[in-house]
Amino acid sequence: MKKVIVIILLACVALFAFTQEKDKGLARVNRYQGYYIFVQSQPICEYDVLGTVKKTGVVWSGSPDEMFNTLIKRMKKDYPKADGIIFDDVAMEHATCIQFK
């Protein structure tokens, strides 16, 4: 009797696992210079906001690499314990520095 109940429970769990819809918004985040880079996205893991960094001065091309380098350089200086950076807008003129819990 117990074996039958266990088998039924396992079958229900397996059926439930296979019928769950997968979240298509999940992704593996790239790292740049050792930091997790989030562009118009949010980490799933819990994190603390350390502060924000803003682009100041002139940039030559405004390319993503140049903006990453500029803001990451500022993040390293202002928030040395940061694990990642969240670019809040497409212009990449400011970003939020985070540390995972």
N, C-alpha and C. Protein backbone atom coordinates (compact mmCIF):
# COMPACT_ATOMS: atom_id res chain seq x y z
N MET A 1 0.82 -1.20 0.00
CA MET A 1 0.00 0.00 0.00
C MET A 1 0.86 1.26 0.00
N LYS A 2 1.92 1.25 0.85
CA LYS A 2 2.79 2.42 0.92
C LYS A 2 3.54 2.62 -0.39
N LYS A 3 3.92 1.53 -1.06
CA LYS A 3 4.63 1.64 -2.33
C LYS A 3 3.74 2.29 -3.38
N VAL A 4 2.48 1.96 -3.39
CA VAL A 4 1.55 2.52 -4.36
C VAL A 4 1.40 4.03 -4.15
N ILE A 5 1.30 4.44 -2.89
CA ILE A 5 1.17 5.86 -2.57
C ILE A 5 2.44 6.62 -2.98
N VAL A 6 3.59 6.04 -2.70
CA VAL A 6 4.86 6.67 -3.07
C VAL A 6 4.97 6.81 -4.58
N ILE A 7 4.59 5.77 -5.31
CA ILE A 7 4.65 5.80 -6.77
C ILE A 7 3.70 6.85 -7.33
N ILE A 8 2.52 6.95 -6.77
CA ILE A 8 1.55 7.96 -7.22
C ILE A 8 2.09 9.36 -6.94
N LEU A 9 2.67 9.57 -5.76
CA LEU A 9 3.22 10.88 -5.43
C LEU A 9 4.38 11.25 -6.36
N LEU A 10 5.26 10.30 -6.63
CA LEU A 10 6.36 10.56 -7.55
C LEU A 10 5.86 10.88 -8.95
N ALA A 11 4.84 10.18 -9.39
CA ALA A 11 4.27 10.45 -10.71
C ALA A 11 3.66 11.85 -10.76
N CYS A 12 2.99 12.26 -9.69
CA CYS A 12 2.41 13.61 -9.63
C CYS A 12 3.50 14.68 -9.66
N VAL A 13 4.57 14.46 -8.92
CA VAL A 13 5.67 15.42 -8.89
C VAL A 13 6.31 15.52 -10.27
N ALA A 14 6.54 14.40 -10.92
CA ALA A 14 7.15 14.39 -12.25
C ALA A 14 6.24 15.09 -13.26
N LEU A 15 4.96 14.82 -13.20
CA LEU A 15 4.00 15.46 -14.11
C LEU A 15 3.99 16.96 -13.88
N PHE A 16 4.00 17.39 -12.63
CA PHE A 16 4.00 18.81 -12.29
C PHE A 16 5.28 19.48 -12.80
N ALA A 17 6.41 18.82 -12.66
CA ALA A 17 7.69 19.39 -13.09
C ALA A 17 7.74 19.57 -14.60
N PHE A 18 7.18 18.66 -15.36
CA PHE A 18 7.23 18.74 -16.81
C PHE A 18 6.20 19.68 -17.39
N THR A 19 5.15 20.00 -16.66
CA THR A 19 4.11 20.87 -17.19
C THR A 19 4.31 22.33 -16.81
N GLN A 20 5.30 22.64 -16.00
CA GLN A 20 5.57 24.03 -15.62
C GLN A 20 6.10 24.80 -16.82
N GLU A 21 5.59 26.00 -17.01
CA GLU A 21 6.07 26.84 -18.10
C GLU A 21 7.39 27.47 -17.69
N LYS A 22 8.36 27.43 -18.57
CA LYS A 22 9.68 27.99 -18.28
C LYS A 22 9.64 29.50 -18.48
N ASP A 23 10.37 30.22 -17.62
CA ASP A 23 10.47 31.67 -17.74
C ASP A 23 11.45 32.00 -18.85
N LYS A 24 10.96 32.52 -19.93
CA LYS A 24 11.79 32.80 -21.09
C LYS A 24 12.62 34.06 -20.93
N GLY A 25 12.43 34.77 -19.82
CA GLY A 25 13.19 35.99 -19.58
C GLY A 25 14.48 35.76 -18.83
N LEU A 26 14.76 34.52 -18.45
CA LEU A 26 15.99 34.25 -17.72
C LEU A 26 17.16 34.15 -18.69
N ALA A 27 18.32 34.63 -18.24
CA ALA A 27 19.51 34.59 -19.09
C ALA A 27 20.75 34.48 -18.23
N ARG A 28 21.85 34.12 -18.85
CA ARG A 28 23.15 34.10 -18.19
C ARG A 28 23.80 35.44 -18.49
N VAL A 29 24.18 36.15 -17.46
CA VAL A 29 24.70 37.51 -17.61
C VAL A 29 26.19 37.47 -17.92
N ASN A 30 26.59 38.29 -18.87
CA ASN A 30 28.00 38.38 -19.21
C ASN A 30 28.76 39.18 -18.17
N ARG A 31 30.04 38.90 -18.10
CA ARG A 31 30.93 39.66 -17.22
C ARG A 31 31.87 40.48 -18.09
N TYR A 32 32.21 41.64 -17.60
CA TYR A 32 33.11 42.54 -18.30
C TYR A 32 34.08 43.07 -17.27
N GLN A 33 35.34 42.83 -17.47
CA GLN A 33 36.40 43.21 -16.53
C GLN A 33 36.13 42.62 -15.13
N GLY A 34 35.49 41.45 -15.10
CA GLY A 34 35.22 40.76 -13.84
C GLY A 34 33.94 41.17 -13.15
N TYR A 35 33.17 42.09 -13.73
CA TYR A 35 31.92 42.56 -13.12
C TYR A 35 30.73 42.07 -13.93
N TYR A 36 29.64 41.77 -13.22
CA TYR A 36 28.40 41.40 -13.90
C TYR A 36 27.77 42.66 -14.48
N ILE A 37 27.40 42.60 -15.75
CA ILE A 37 26.86 43.75 -16.45
C ILE A 37 25.38 43.50 -16.78
N PHE A 38 24.52 44.36 -16.26
CA PHE A 38 23.09 44.27 -16.52
C PHE A 38 22.68 45.51 -17.31
N VAL A 39 22.19 45.31 -18.53
CA VAL A 39 21.74 46.43 -19.36
C VAL A 39 20.23 46.30 -19.51
N GLN A 40 19.53 47.28 -18.97
CA GLN A 40 18.06 47.29 -18.96
C GLN A 40 17.50 45.96 -18.45
N SER A 41 18.11 45.45 -17.39
CA SER A 41 17.64 44.22 -16.76
C SER A 41 18.02 44.27 -15.28
N GLN A 42 17.46 43.35 -14.52
CA GLN A 42 17.69 43.30 -13.08
C GLN A 42 18.18 41.90 -12.70
N PRO A 43 19.10 41.82 -11.74
CA PRO A 43 19.53 40.51 -11.25
C PRO A 43 18.40 39.81 -10.49
N ILE A 44 18.38 38.51 -10.55
CA ILE A 44 17.38 37.74 -9.81
C ILE A 44 17.84 37.57 -8.36
N CYS A 45 19.13 37.37 -8.16
CA CYS A 45 19.68 37.18 -6.82
C CYS A 45 19.54 38.47 -6.02
N GLU A 46 19.48 38.31 -4.71
CA GLU A 46 19.38 39.48 -3.84
C GLU A 46 20.69 40.26 -3.87
N TYR A 47 20.56 41.58 -3.78
CA TYR A 47 21.74 42.43 -3.82
C TYR A 47 21.49 43.70 -3.03
N ASP A 48 22.58 44.35 -2.66
CA ASP A 48 22.52 45.65 -2.01
C ASP A 48 22.96 46.70 -3.02
N VAL A 49 22.29 47.84 -3.01
CA VAL A 49 22.69 48.96 -3.86
C VAL A 49 23.76 49.74 -3.11
N LEU A 50 24.92 49.87 -3.72
CA LEU A 50 26.02 50.61 -3.09
C LEU A 50 25.95 52.09 -3.42
N GLY A 51 25.44 52.40 -4.59
CA GLY A 51 25.32 53.79 -5.03
C GLY A 51 25.25 53.86 -6.53
N THR A 52 25.34 55.07 -7.06
CA THR A 52 25.28 55.25 -8.50
C THR A 52 26.53 55.95 -8.99
N VAL A 53 26.83 55.74 -10.25
CA VAL A 53 27.91 56.44 -10.92
C VAL A 53 27.34 57.11 -12.16
N LYS A 54 27.89 58.27 -12.50
CA LYS A 54 27.41 59.01 -13.66
C LYS A 54 28.59 59.33 -14.58
N LYS A 55 28.28 59.37 -15.84
CA LYS A 55 29.29 59.75 -16.82
C LYS A 55 29.45 61.26 -16.74
N THR A 56 30.68 61.69 -16.58
CA THR A 56 30.97 63.12 -16.62
C THR A 56 32.08 63.34 -17.62
N GLY A 57 32.14 64.51 -18.17
CA GLY A 57 33.17 64.80 -19.15
C GLY A 57 32.77 64.35 -20.54
N VAL A 58 33.75 64.32 -21.42
CA VAL A 58 33.51 64.01 -22.82
C VAL A 58 33.94 62.58 -23.11
N VAL A 59 33.14 61.88 -23.90
CA VAL A 59 33.52 60.57 -24.40
C VAL A 59 33.71 60.70 -25.91
N TRP A 60 34.63 59.93 -26.46
CA TRP A 60 34.97 60.09 -27.87
C TRP A 60 33.92 59.51 -28.79
N SER A 61 33.59 58.27 -28.61
CA SER A 61 32.68 57.63 -29.56
C SER A 61 31.31 57.33 -28.96
N GLY A 62 31.25 57.17 -27.66
CA GLY A 62 29.98 56.80 -27.02
C GLY A 62 29.64 55.34 -27.24
N SER A 63 30.61 54.54 -27.67
CA SER A 63 30.37 53.12 -27.91
C SER A 63 30.14 52.41 -26.58
N PRO A 64 29.45 51.26 -26.60
CA PRO A 64 29.24 50.52 -25.35
C PRO A 64 30.54 50.21 -24.61
N ASP A 65 31.58 49.81 -25.34
CA ASP A 65 32.86 49.52 -24.68
C ASP A 65 33.41 50.74 -23.95
N GLU A 66 33.32 51.88 -24.60
CA GLU A 66 33.82 53.10 -23.99
C GLU A 66 33.00 53.48 -22.76
N MET A 67 31.69 53.33 -22.85
CA MET A 67 30.83 53.65 -21.70
C MET A 67 31.06 52.66 -20.56
N PHE A 68 31.18 51.36 -20.89
CA PHE A 68 31.49 50.36 -19.86
C PHE A 68 32.78 50.73 -19.15
N ASN A 69 33.82 51.01 -19.94
CA ASN A 69 35.12 51.34 -19.35
C ASN A 69 35.05 52.58 -18.47
N THR A 70 34.36 53.61 -18.94
CA THR A 70 34.25 54.85 -18.17
C THR A 70 33.54 54.64 -16.84
N LEU A 71 32.38 53.99 -16.89
CA LEU A 71 31.60 53.81 -15.66
C LEU A 71 32.18 52.74 -14.75
N ILE A 72 32.78 51.70 -15.30
CA ILE A 72 33.41 50.68 -14.46
C ILE A 72 34.64 51.26 -13.76
N LYS A 73 35.38 52.07 -14.46
CA LYS A 73 36.53 52.74 -13.85
C LYS A 73 36.08 53.59 -12.66
N ARG A 74 34.99 54.32 -12.84
CA ARG A 74 34.45 55.14 -11.75
C ARG A 74 33.92 54.25 -10.62
N MET A 75 33.27 53.13 -10.98
CA MET A 75 32.75 52.21 -9.97
C MET A 75 33.89 51.62 -9.14
N LYS A 76 34.97 51.22 -9.80
CA LYS A 76 36.12 50.65 -9.08
C LYS A 76 36.66 51.65 -8.05
N LYS A 77 36.67 52.91 -8.42
CA LYS A 77 37.19 53.95 -7.53
C LYS A 77 36.22 54.24 -6.38
N ASP A 78 34.95 54.43 -6.70
CA ASP A 78 33.96 54.83 -5.69
C ASP A 78 33.41 53.67 -4.87
N TYR A 79 33.27 52.49 -5.48
CA TYR A 79 32.67 51.33 -4.82
C TYR A 79 33.53 50.09 -5.07
N PRO A 80 34.67 49.97 -4.42
CA PRO A 80 35.58 48.86 -4.69
C PRO A 80 35.02 47.47 -4.35
N LYS A 81 33.98 47.40 -3.54
CA LYS A 81 33.39 46.10 -3.18
C LYS A 81 32.26 45.68 -4.12
N ALA A 82 32.01 46.44 -5.15
CA ALA A 82 30.91 46.15 -6.08
C ALA A 82 31.17 44.85 -6.83
N ASP A 83 30.07 44.11 -7.07
CA ASP A 83 30.12 42.88 -7.86
C ASP A 83 29.60 43.08 -9.27
N GLY A 84 28.76 44.10 -9.44
CA GLY A 84 28.15 44.30 -10.74
C GLY A 84 27.62 45.71 -10.89
N ILE A 85 27.14 45.97 -12.09
CA ILE A 85 26.64 47.31 -12.42
C ILE A 85 25.37 47.15 -13.26
N ILE A 86 24.38 47.97 -12.96
CA ILE A 86 23.11 47.94 -13.69
C ILE A 86 22.99 49.24 -14.47
N PHE A 87 23.01 49.15 -15.80
CA PHE A 87 22.80 50.32 -16.64
C PHE A 87 21.30 50.54 -16.77
N ASP A 88 20.85 51.66 -16.24
CA ASP A 88 19.42 51.91 -16.14
C ASP A 88 18.78 52.38 -17.45
N ASP A 89 19.57 52.94 -18.34
CA ASP A 89 19.01 53.42 -19.59
C ASP A 89 19.93 53.07 -20.76
N VAL A 90 19.42 53.22 -21.95
CA VAL A 90 20.17 52.83 -23.14
C VAL A 90 21.35 53.75 -23.38
N ALA A 91 21.25 55.00 -22.98
CA ALA A 91 22.33 55.96 -23.20
C ALA A 91 23.57 55.63 -22.35
N MET A 92 23.40 54.84 -21.32
CA MET A 92 24.48 54.43 -20.43
C MET A 92 25.20 55.62 -19.81
N GLU A 93 24.44 56.64 -19.45
CA GLU A 93 25.04 57.83 -18.84
C GLU A 93 25.11 57.72 -17.33
N HIS A 94 24.37 56.81 -16.75
CA HIS A 94 24.47 56.56 -15.31
C HIS A 94 24.14 55.10 -15.05
N ALA A 95 24.61 54.61 -13.93
CA ALA A 95 24.42 53.20 -13.60
C ALA A 95 24.39 53.01 -12.08
N THR A 96 23.78 51.92 -11.66
CA THR A 96 23.69 51.56 -10.26
C THR A 96 24.73 50.49 -9.96
N CYS A 97 25.51 50.69 -8.91
CA CYS A 97 26.54 49.74 -8.50
C CYS A 97 25.96 48.83 -7.43
N ILE A 98 26.15 47.52 -7.56
CA ILE A 98 25.55 46.57 -6.63
C ILE A 98 26.58 45.60 -6.07
N GLN A 99 26.20 45.02 -4.94
CA GLN A 99 26.98 43.95 -4.32
C GLN A 99 25.99 42.85 -3.96
N PHE A 100 26.27 41.62 -4.41
CA PHE A 100 25.37 40.51 -4.11
C PHE A 100 25.48 40.10 -2.66
N LYS A 101 24.34 39.66 -2.10
CA LYS A 101 24.30 39.21 -0.70
C LYS A 101 24.83 37.81 -0.59
